[in-house]
Amino acid sequence: MNPALGRLRDATTGTRSALLLSGVLAGMGTLHFAVPGPFDAIVPRVLPGSPRLWTRASGAAELAVAAAVALPQTRRVGGLAAAGLFAAVYPANVQMAYDWRNASKLKRAVAFGRLPFQAPLIGWALAVRSGVPGVPGAPGVPGGPGVLPAAGPGRSPAGARRSA
């Protein structure tokens, strides 16, 4: 493997990367509650209910996903949930770009400039999901897919407790 690609994979799948992703999600989730107005403004108008309901729901989802990504035991499902969440909120980014199409150059640059960043966020979440070395449940790690737990005192080779 190309050394640069190996470093990139390590940077996006390690514990530090997962905790950084968790922090980004937790920060944005918190902002949904602390300063909801900007989020209300970009809720697509085709969604039923009030924008505030959607802002709160997406903020709560971001906080829940942040917790799942932070915990090694739930990181795989958390990474997948984060990728889904990033895809689910993309229409709000499109709504923002549409609403700001006639705004100042700076606002247009911000609104349209953030659209292509959703794909790398999804990729980052999937990389975190793909496996963290040493985390139970990661591919190739005992307890992960296709790997049986090691035999040990009081355990059969298949990992089941022996009856006394």
N, C-alpha and C. Protein backbone atom coordinates (compact mmCIF):
# COMPACT_ATOMS: atom_id res chain seq x y z
N MET A 1 0.86 -1.18 0.00
CA MET A 1 0.00 0.00 0.00
C MET A 1 0.90 1.24 0.00
N ASN A 2 0.45 2.25 -0.69
CA ASN A 2 1.14 3.53 -0.72
C ASN A 2 1.24 4.06 0.72
N PRO A 3 2.44 4.47 1.16
CA PRO A 3 2.57 4.94 2.55
C PRO A 3 1.64 6.10 2.90
N ALA A 4 1.43 7.01 1.95
CA ALA A 4 0.54 8.15 2.22
C ALA A 4 -0.89 7.66 2.43
N LEU A 5 -1.32 6.69 1.63
CA LEU A 5 -2.67 6.14 1.81
C LEU A 5 -2.79 5.41 3.14
N GLY A 6 -1.72 4.73 3.54
CA GLY A 6 -1.74 4.05 4.84
C GLY A 6 -1.87 5.04 5.98
N ARG A 7 -1.15 6.17 5.90
CA ARG A 7 -1.26 7.19 6.94
C ARG A 7 -2.66 7.81 6.96
N LEU A 8 -3.25 8.04 5.77
CA LEU A 8 -4.60 8.58 5.69
C LEU A 8 -5.59 7.62 6.32
N ARG A 9 -5.44 6.31 6.02
CA ARG A 9 -6.36 5.33 6.61
C ARG A 9 -6.21 5.32 8.13
N ASP A 10 -4.98 5.32 8.62
CA ASP A 10 -4.76 5.35 10.06
C ASP A 10 -5.35 6.61 10.69
N ALA A 11 -5.23 7.74 10.00
CA ALA A 11 -5.73 9.00 10.54
C ALA A 11 -7.25 9.04 10.60
N THR A 12 -7.93 8.31 9.71
CA THR A 12 -9.38 8.36 9.68
C THR A 12 -10.05 7.20 10.40
N THR A 13 -9.28 6.20 10.83
CA THR A 13 -9.91 5.05 11.48
C THR A 13 -9.49 4.89 12.94
N GLY A 14 -8.57 5.67 13.41
CA GLY A 14 -8.07 5.52 14.77
C GLY A 14 -9.00 6.12 15.81
N THR A 15 -8.67 5.84 17.06
CA THR A 15 -9.46 6.33 18.17
C THR A 15 -9.51 7.85 18.18
N ARG A 16 -8.38 8.48 17.89
CA ARG A 16 -8.34 9.95 17.88
C ARG A 16 -9.32 10.51 16.86
N SER A 17 -9.35 9.89 15.68
CA SER A 17 -10.26 10.34 14.64
C SER A 17 -11.71 10.16 15.06
N ALA A 18 -12.01 9.03 15.69
CA ALA A 18 -13.38 8.78 16.15
C ALA A 18 -13.79 9.80 17.19
N LEU A 19 -12.88 10.12 18.10
CA LEU A 19 -13.20 11.10 19.13
C LEU A 19 -13.36 12.51 18.55
N LEU A 20 -12.58 12.82 17.52
CA LEU A 20 -12.73 14.11 16.85
C LEU A 20 -14.09 14.17 16.14
N LEU A 21 -14.45 13.10 15.44
CA LEU A 21 -15.77 13.06 14.79
C LEU A 21 -16.87 13.19 15.83
N SER A 22 -16.73 12.50 16.93
CA SER A 22 -17.71 12.59 18.02
C SER A 22 -17.81 14.03 18.53
N GLY A 23 -16.69 14.70 18.67
CA GLY A 23 -16.69 16.09 19.13
C GLY A 23 -17.38 17.03 18.16
N VAL A 24 -17.14 16.81 16.86
CA VAL A 24 -17.81 17.63 15.84
C VAL A 24 -19.32 17.43 15.94
N LEU A 25 -19.74 16.17 16.03
CA LEU A 25 -21.18 15.88 16.13
C LEU A 25 -21.78 16.46 17.42
N ALA A 26 -21.08 16.31 18.53
CA ALA A 26 -21.59 16.82 19.80
C ALA A 26 -21.67 18.35 19.78
N GLY A 27 -20.67 18.98 19.19
CA GLY A 27 -20.69 20.44 19.09
C GLY A 27 -21.85 20.94 18.25
N MET A 28 -22.06 20.32 17.10
CA MET A 28 -23.17 20.73 16.25
C MET A 28 -24.51 20.40 16.90
N GLY A 29 -24.61 19.25 17.54
CA GLY A 29 -25.85 18.90 18.23
C GLY A 29 -26.19 19.89 19.32
N THR A 30 -25.19 20.32 20.05
CA THR A 30 -25.39 21.31 21.12
C THR A 30 -25.84 22.64 20.54
N LEU A 31 -25.22 23.05 19.42
CA LEU A 31 -25.62 24.31 18.79
C LEU A 31 -27.08 24.31 18.34
N HIS A 32 -27.59 23.13 17.95
CA HIS A 32 -29.00 23.04 17.55
C HIS A 32 -29.93 23.49 18.68
N PHE A 33 -29.51 23.26 19.91
CA PHE A 33 -30.33 23.65 21.06
C PHE A 33 -29.98 25.05 21.58
N ALA A 34 -28.69 25.38 21.55
CA ALA A 34 -28.25 26.66 22.10
C ALA A 34 -28.59 27.83 21.18
N VAL A 35 -28.48 27.64 19.88
CA VAL A 35 -28.73 28.70 18.90
C VAL A 35 -29.54 28.08 17.74
N PRO A 36 -30.81 27.80 17.96
CA PRO A 36 -31.59 27.06 16.95
C PRO A 36 -31.99 27.86 15.71
N GLY A 37 -32.02 29.18 15.79
CA GLY A 37 -32.51 30.01 14.68
C GLY A 37 -31.89 29.70 13.33
N PRO A 38 -30.55 29.67 13.21
CA PRO A 38 -29.96 29.39 11.90
C PRO A 38 -30.33 28.00 11.37
N PHE A 39 -30.51 27.05 12.25
CA PHE A 39 -30.89 25.71 11.82
C PHE A 39 -32.36 25.69 11.38
N ASP A 40 -33.21 26.40 12.12
CA ASP A 40 -34.62 26.50 11.73
C ASP A 40 -34.74 27.06 10.31
N ALA A 41 -33.90 28.02 10.01
CA ALA A 41 -33.99 28.72 8.72
C ALA A 41 -33.65 27.83 7.53
N ILE A 42 -32.90 26.75 7.75
CA ILE A 42 -32.51 25.91 6.60
C ILE A 42 -33.28 24.59 6.54
N VAL A 43 -34.25 24.41 7.42
CA VAL A 43 -35.09 23.21 7.33
C VAL A 43 -35.90 23.32 6.03
N PRO A 44 -35.80 22.31 5.17
CA PRO A 44 -36.58 22.37 3.92
C PRO A 44 -38.07 22.54 4.20
N ARG A 45 -38.68 23.46 3.50
CA ARG A 45 -40.08 23.80 3.74
C ARG A 45 -41.05 22.67 3.38
N VAL A 46 -40.60 21.69 2.64
CA VAL A 46 -41.48 20.58 2.27
C VAL A 46 -41.70 19.61 3.43
N LEU A 47 -40.88 19.71 4.48
CA LEU A 47 -41.04 18.81 5.63
C LEU A 47 -42.25 19.23 6.46
N PRO A 48 -43.03 18.26 6.93
CA PRO A 48 -44.19 18.60 7.76
C PRO A 48 -43.75 19.04 9.15
N GLY A 49 -44.60 19.79 9.81
CA GLY A 49 -44.29 20.23 11.17
C GLY A 49 -43.48 21.51 11.17
N SER A 50 -43.15 21.94 12.37
CA SER A 50 -42.42 23.20 12.51
C SER A 50 -40.92 22.98 12.30
N PRO A 51 -40.24 23.99 11.78
CA PRO A 51 -38.79 23.88 11.64
C PRO A 51 -38.10 23.61 12.98
N ARG A 52 -38.61 24.18 14.07
CA ARG A 52 -37.99 23.99 15.38
C ARG A 52 -38.01 22.50 15.79
N LEU A 53 -39.11 21.82 15.47
CA LEU A 53 -39.18 20.38 15.75
C LEU A 53 -38.06 19.64 15.03
N TRP A 54 -37.85 19.95 13.77
CA TRP A 54 -36.79 19.30 12.99
C TRP A 54 -35.41 19.69 13.51
N THR A 55 -35.25 20.93 13.93
CA THR A 55 -33.97 21.37 14.49
C THR A 55 -33.66 20.58 15.76
N ARG A 56 -34.65 20.46 16.64
CA ARG A 56 -34.44 19.71 17.88
C ARG A 56 -34.19 18.24 17.61
N ALA A 57 -34.95 17.67 16.69
CA ALA A 57 -34.78 16.25 16.37
C ALA A 57 -33.39 15.98 15.79
N SER A 58 -32.94 16.84 14.88
CA SER A 58 -31.62 16.62 14.30
C SER A 58 -30.52 16.88 15.33
N GLY A 59 -30.72 17.85 16.22
CA GLY A 59 -29.75 18.08 17.29
C GLY A 59 -29.65 16.89 18.22
N ALA A 60 -30.81 16.32 18.59
CA ALA A 60 -30.81 15.14 19.46
C ALA A 60 -30.15 13.96 18.75
N ALA A 61 -30.41 13.81 17.46
CA ALA A 61 -29.79 12.72 16.70
C ALA A 61 -28.27 12.90 16.66
N GLU A 62 -27.81 14.12 16.46
CA GLU A 62 -26.36 14.37 16.44
C GLU A 62 -25.73 14.05 17.79
N LEU A 63 -26.39 14.40 18.88
CA LEU A 63 -25.85 14.09 20.21
C LEU A 63 -25.81 12.58 20.46
N ALA A 64 -26.86 11.88 20.05
CA ALA A 64 -26.90 10.42 20.23
C ALA A 64 -25.83 9.74 19.39
N VAL A 65 -25.67 10.19 18.16
CA VAL A 65 -24.65 9.60 17.28
C VAL A 65 -23.25 9.93 17.80
N ALA A 66 -23.07 11.13 18.34
CA ALA A 66 -21.77 11.49 18.92
C ALA A 66 -21.40 10.53 20.04
N ALA A 67 -22.36 10.20 20.88
CA ALA A 67 -22.10 9.25 21.97
C ALA A 67 -21.76 7.87 21.42
N ALA A 68 -22.49 7.44 20.39
CA ALA A 68 -22.23 6.12 19.80
C ALA A 68 -20.84 6.05 19.17
N VAL A 69 -20.41 7.12 18.52
CA VAL A 69 -19.08 7.15 17.90
C VAL A 69 -17.99 7.20 18.97
N ALA A 70 -18.24 7.88 20.07
CA ALA A 70 -17.23 8.03 21.12
C ALA A 70 -16.93 6.73 21.84
N LEU A 71 -17.93 5.88 21.99
CA LEU A 71 -17.76 4.65 22.76
C LEU A 71 -17.27 3.51 21.87
N PRO A 72 -16.14 2.90 22.21
CA PRO A 72 -15.61 1.83 21.37
C PRO A 72 -16.60 0.69 21.12
N GLN A 73 -17.43 0.40 22.11
CA GLN A 73 -18.38 -0.71 21.96
C GLN A 73 -19.46 -0.43 20.93
N THR A 74 -19.75 0.83 20.64
CA THR A 74 -20.81 1.18 19.70
C THR A 74 -20.28 1.96 18.49
N ARG A 75 -18.98 2.00 18.35
CA ARG A 75 -18.37 2.83 17.31
C ARG A 75 -18.75 2.40 15.90
N ARG A 76 -18.83 1.09 15.66
CA ARG A 76 -19.18 0.63 14.30
C ARG A 76 -20.57 1.10 13.91
N VAL A 77 -21.54 0.88 14.77
CA VAL A 77 -22.90 1.33 14.46
C VAL A 77 -22.97 2.86 14.48
N GLY A 78 -22.20 3.48 15.35
CA GLY A 78 -22.17 4.94 15.42
C GLY A 78 -21.61 5.56 14.15
N GLY A 79 -20.56 4.96 13.60
CA GLY A 79 -20.00 5.46 12.34
C GLY A 79 -20.99 5.35 11.20
N LEU A 80 -21.71 4.23 11.17
CA LEU A 80 -22.73 4.06 10.14
C LEU A 80 -23.87 5.07 10.34
N ALA A 81 -24.27 5.26 11.59
CA ALA A 81 -25.33 6.24 11.89
C ALA A 81 -24.87 7.66 11.53
N ALA A 82 -23.61 7.96 11.77
CA ALA A 82 -23.09 9.29 11.42
C ALA A 82 -23.14 9.50 9.90
N ALA A 83 -22.75 8.48 9.15
CA ALA A 83 -22.81 8.59 7.68
C ALA A 83 -24.25 8.83 7.23
N GLY A 84 -25.19 8.09 7.82
CA GLY A 84 -26.59 8.28 7.49
C GLY A 84 -27.10 9.66 7.87
N LEU A 85 -26.66 10.13 9.02
CA LEU A 85 -27.06 11.46 9.48
C LEU A 85 -26.53 12.54 8.54
N PHE A 86 -25.26 12.42 8.14
CA PHE A 86 -24.68 13.40 7.22
C PHE A 86 -25.44 13.41 5.89
N ALA A 87 -25.85 12.25 5.43
CA ALA A 87 -26.64 12.18 4.20
C ALA A 87 -28.03 12.78 4.41
N ALA A 88 -28.62 12.51 5.58
CA ALA A 88 -29.99 12.98 5.85
C ALA A 88 -30.08 14.50 5.97
N VAL A 89 -29.03 15.14 6.46
CA VAL A 89 -29.10 16.60 6.62
C VAL A 89 -28.65 17.36 5.37
N TYR A 90 -28.21 16.64 4.35
CA TYR A 90 -27.77 17.30 3.12
C TYR A 90 -28.86 18.18 2.50
N PRO A 91 -30.12 17.77 2.49
CA PRO A 91 -31.16 18.65 1.94
C PRO A 91 -31.22 20.02 2.63
N ALA A 92 -30.90 20.09 3.91
CA ALA A 92 -30.86 21.39 4.58
C ALA A 92 -29.74 22.26 4.01
N ASN A 93 -28.62 21.65 3.67
CA ASN A 93 -27.53 22.41 3.06
C ASN A 93 -27.93 22.92 1.68
N VAL A 94 -28.66 22.08 0.94
CA VAL A 94 -29.16 22.50 -0.38
C VAL A 94 -30.16 23.65 -0.20
N GLN A 95 -31.04 23.53 0.80
CA GLN A 95 -32.00 24.60 1.07
C GLN A 95 -31.28 25.91 1.38
N MET A 96 -30.23 25.84 2.16
CA MET A 96 -29.46 27.03 2.50
C MET A 96 -28.85 27.66 1.24
N ALA A 97 -28.27 26.81 0.39
CA ALA A 97 -27.68 27.33 -0.85
C ALA A 97 -28.75 27.98 -1.73
N TYR A 98 -29.91 27.37 -1.80
CA TYR A 98 -31.00 27.94 -2.60
C TYR A 98 -31.46 29.28 -2.01
N ASP A 99 -31.67 29.30 -0.70
CA ASP A 99 -32.14 30.52 -0.05
C ASP A 99 -31.13 31.66 -0.17
N TRP A 100 -29.86 31.35 -0.20
CA TRP A 100 -28.82 32.37 -0.23
C TRP A 100 -28.29 32.63 -1.64
N ARG A 101 -28.97 32.14 -2.66
CA ARG A 101 -28.48 32.29 -4.03
C ARG A 101 -28.38 33.75 -4.46
N ASN A 102 -29.16 34.65 -3.84
CA ASN A 102 -29.11 36.07 -4.19
C ASN A 102 -28.50 36.91 -3.07
N ALA A 103 -27.91 36.27 -2.09
CA ALA A 103 -27.30 36.97 -0.96
C ALA A 103 -25.93 37.53 -1.36
N SER A 104 -25.24 38.08 -0.40
CA SER A 104 -23.91 38.63 -0.66
C SER A 104 -22.97 37.53 -1.17
N LYS A 105 -21.87 37.94 -1.78
CA LYS A 105 -20.89 36.97 -2.30
C LYS A 105 -20.38 36.06 -1.19
N LEU A 106 -20.15 36.63 -0.01
CA LEU A 106 -19.64 35.83 1.10
C LEU A 106 -20.65 34.75 1.52
N LYS A 107 -21.93 35.16 1.66
CA LYS A 107 -22.95 34.18 2.04
C LYS A 107 -23.11 33.10 0.97
N ARG A 108 -23.08 33.51 -0.30
CA ARG A 108 -23.17 32.51 -1.38
C ARG A 108 -21.99 31.57 -1.34
N ALA A 109 -20.80 32.11 -1.09
CA ALA A 109 -19.61 31.26 -1.04
C ALA A 109 -19.72 30.25 0.10
N VAL A 110 -20.21 30.69 1.25
CA VAL A 110 -20.38 29.78 2.39
C VAL A 110 -21.42 28.72 2.06
N ALA A 111 -22.56 29.15 1.56
CA ALA A 111 -23.66 28.22 1.30
C ALA A 111 -23.32 27.20 0.22
N PHE A 112 -22.74 27.64 -0.87
CA PHE A 112 -22.40 26.71 -1.95
C PHE A 112 -21.10 25.97 -1.65
N GLY A 113 -20.20 26.61 -0.92
CA GLY A 113 -18.93 25.98 -0.59
C GLY A 113 -19.06 24.80 0.35
N ARG A 114 -20.10 24.79 1.17
CA ARG A 114 -20.23 23.67 2.11
C ARG A 114 -20.87 22.44 1.48
N LEU A 115 -21.51 22.59 0.33
CA LEU A 115 -22.17 21.45 -0.30
C LEU A 115 -21.22 20.28 -0.59
N PRO A 116 -20.05 20.53 -1.18
CA PRO A 116 -19.17 19.38 -1.48
C PRO A 116 -18.52 18.75 -0.25
N PHE A 117 -18.62 19.39 0.90
CA PHE A 117 -17.96 18.83 2.10
C PHE A 117 -18.77 17.72 2.75
N GLN A 118 -19.99 17.52 2.34
CA GLN A 118 -20.80 16.45 2.94
C GLN A 118 -20.23 15.08 2.57
N ALA A 119 -19.74 14.93 1.34
CA ALA A 119 -19.18 13.65 0.91
C ALA A 119 -17.96 13.25 1.76
N PRO A 120 -17.00 14.14 2.00
CA PRO A 120 -15.89 13.74 2.87
C PRO A 120 -16.34 13.43 4.30
N LEU A 121 -17.37 14.11 4.80
CA LEU A 121 -17.88 13.79 6.13
C LEU A 121 -18.45 12.38 6.16
N ILE A 122 -19.18 12.02 5.12
CA ILE A 122 -19.72 10.66 5.03
C ILE A 122 -18.58 9.66 4.95
N GLY A 123 -17.57 9.96 4.15
CA GLY A 123 -16.41 9.08 4.05
C GLY A 123 -15.69 8.93 5.38
N TRP A 124 -15.55 10.02 6.11
CA TRP A 124 -14.90 9.97 7.42
C TRP A 124 -15.69 9.07 8.37
N ALA A 125 -17.00 9.25 8.38
CA ALA A 125 -17.84 8.42 9.26
C ALA A 125 -17.72 6.94 8.89
N LEU A 126 -17.70 6.64 7.61
CA LEU A 126 -17.57 5.24 7.18
C LEU A 126 -16.19 4.69 7.49
N ALA A 127 -15.16 5.54 7.42
CA ALA A 127 -13.81 5.09 7.78
C ALA A 127 -13.74 4.77 9.27
N VAL A 128 -14.36 5.61 10.10
CA VAL A 128 -14.41 5.34 11.54
C VAL A 128 -15.15 4.03 11.78
N ARG A 129 -16.22 3.80 11.04
CA ARG A 129 -16.99 2.58 11.18
C ARG A 129 -16.20 1.35 10.74
N SER A 130 -15.35 1.51 9.74
CA SER A 130 -14.69 0.37 9.11
C SER A 130 -13.78 -0.39 10.05
N GLY A 131 -13.38 0.22 11.12
CA GLY A 131 -12.59 -0.53 12.06
C GLY A 131 -11.54 0.29 12.77
N VAL A 132 -11.51 0.12 14.04
CA VAL A 132 -10.51 0.77 14.86
C VAL A 132 -9.65 -0.34 15.44
N PRO A 133 -8.35 -0.36 15.11
CA PRO A 133 -7.52 -1.45 15.61
C PRO A 133 -7.64 -1.60 17.12
N GLY A 134 -7.88 -2.85 17.54
CA GLY A 134 -7.95 -3.15 18.97
C GLY A 134 -9.31 -2.96 19.60
N VAL A 135 -10.31 -2.53 18.83
CA VAL A 135 -11.64 -2.31 19.38
C VAL A 135 -12.49 -3.54 19.11
N PRO A 136 -13.07 -4.17 20.16
CA PRO A 136 -13.92 -5.32 19.92
C PRO A 136 -15.04 -4.96 18.96
N GLY A 137 -15.27 -5.83 18.01
CA GLY A 137 -16.30 -5.58 17.01
C GLY A 137 -15.73 -5.10 15.70
N ALA A 138 -14.46 -4.66 15.70
CA ALA A 138 -13.84 -4.23 14.45
C ALA A 138 -13.43 -5.46 13.66
N PRO A 139 -13.42 -5.36 12.32
CA PRO A 139 -13.01 -6.51 11.51
C PRO A 139 -11.62 -6.97 11.90
N GLY A 140 -11.45 -8.28 12.03
CA GLY A 140 -10.15 -8.85 12.35
C GLY A 140 -9.77 -8.79 13.81
N VAL A 141 -10.62 -8.28 14.65
CA VAL A 141 -10.35 -8.17 16.09
C VAL A 141 -11.23 -9.18 16.80
N PRO A 142 -10.69 -9.90 17.80
CA PRO A 142 -11.55 -10.85 18.52
C PRO A 142 -12.85 -10.19 18.93
N GLY A 143 -13.93 -10.86 18.62
CA GLY A 143 -15.26 -10.31 18.90
C GLY A 143 -15.83 -9.63 17.67
N GLY A 144 -14.99 -9.44 16.64
CA GLY A 144 -15.44 -8.80 15.41
C GLY A 144 -15.97 -9.84 14.44
N PRO A 145 -16.40 -9.41 13.27
CA PRO A 145 -16.97 -10.32 12.28
C PRO A 145 -15.98 -11.39 11.86
N GLY A 146 -16.40 -12.62 11.93
CA GLY A 146 -15.59 -13.74 11.44
C GLY A 146 -14.44 -14.13 12.33
N VAL A 147 -14.33 -13.60 13.51
CA VAL A 147 -13.24 -13.94 14.41
C VAL A 147 -13.82 -14.47 15.70
N LEU A 148 -13.43 -15.68 16.06
CA LEU A 148 -13.92 -16.27 17.31
C LEU A 148 -13.10 -15.76 18.47
N PRO A 149 -13.70 -15.60 19.64
CA PRO A 149 -12.94 -15.20 20.82
C PRO A 149 -11.88 -16.25 21.13
N ALA A 150 -10.79 -15.81 21.67
CA ALA A 150 -9.70 -16.72 22.02
C ALA A 150 -10.13 -17.64 23.15
N ALA A 151 -9.62 -18.87 23.10
CA ALA A 151 -9.89 -19.81 24.19
C ALA A 151 -9.09 -19.36 25.41
N GLY A 152 -9.62 -19.59 26.55
CA GLY A 152 -8.93 -19.21 27.78
C GLY A 152 -9.46 -20.04 28.93
N PRO A 153 -8.97 -19.77 30.14
CA PRO A 153 -9.44 -20.53 31.29
C PRO A 153 -10.95 -20.44 31.43
N GLY A 154 -11.59 -21.58 31.50
CA GLY A 154 -13.03 -21.60 31.68
C GLY A 154 -13.82 -21.36 30.40
N ARG A 155 -13.12 -21.32 29.26
CA ARG A 155 -13.81 -21.08 27.98
C ARG A 155 -13.46 -22.21 27.01
N SER A 156 -14.43 -22.58 26.22
CA SER A 156 -14.17 -23.54 25.15
C SER A 156 -13.55 -22.79 23.99
N PRO A 157 -12.99 -23.49 23.01
CA PRO A 157 -12.41 -22.78 21.86
C PRO A 157 -13.41 -21.87 21.15
N ALA A 158 -14.69 -22.17 21.23
CA ALA A 158 -15.69 -21.31 20.58
C ALA A 158 -16.05 -20.10 21.45
N GLY A 159 -15.49 -20.01 22.64
CA GLY A 159 -15.73 -18.85 23.49
C GLY A 159 -16.88 -19.00 24.46
N ALA A 160 -17.53 -20.16 24.49
CA ALA A 160 -18.67 -20.35 25.40
C ALA A 160 -18.16 -20.76 26.77
N ARG A 161 -18.84 -20.34 27.79
CA ARG A 161 -18.48 -20.72 29.18
C ARG A 161 -18.76 -22.19 29.37
N ARG A 162 -17.83 -22.86 30.01
CA ARG A 162 -18.05 -24.26 30.36
C ARG A 162 -18.90 -24.31 31.62
N SER A 163 -19.74 -25.28 31.67
CA SER A 163 -20.53 -25.44 32.89
C SER A 163 -19.70 -26.13 33.95
N ALA A 164 -19.88 -25.74 35.20
CA ALA A 164 -19.06 -26.28 36.30
C ALA A 164 -19.67 -27.52 36.86
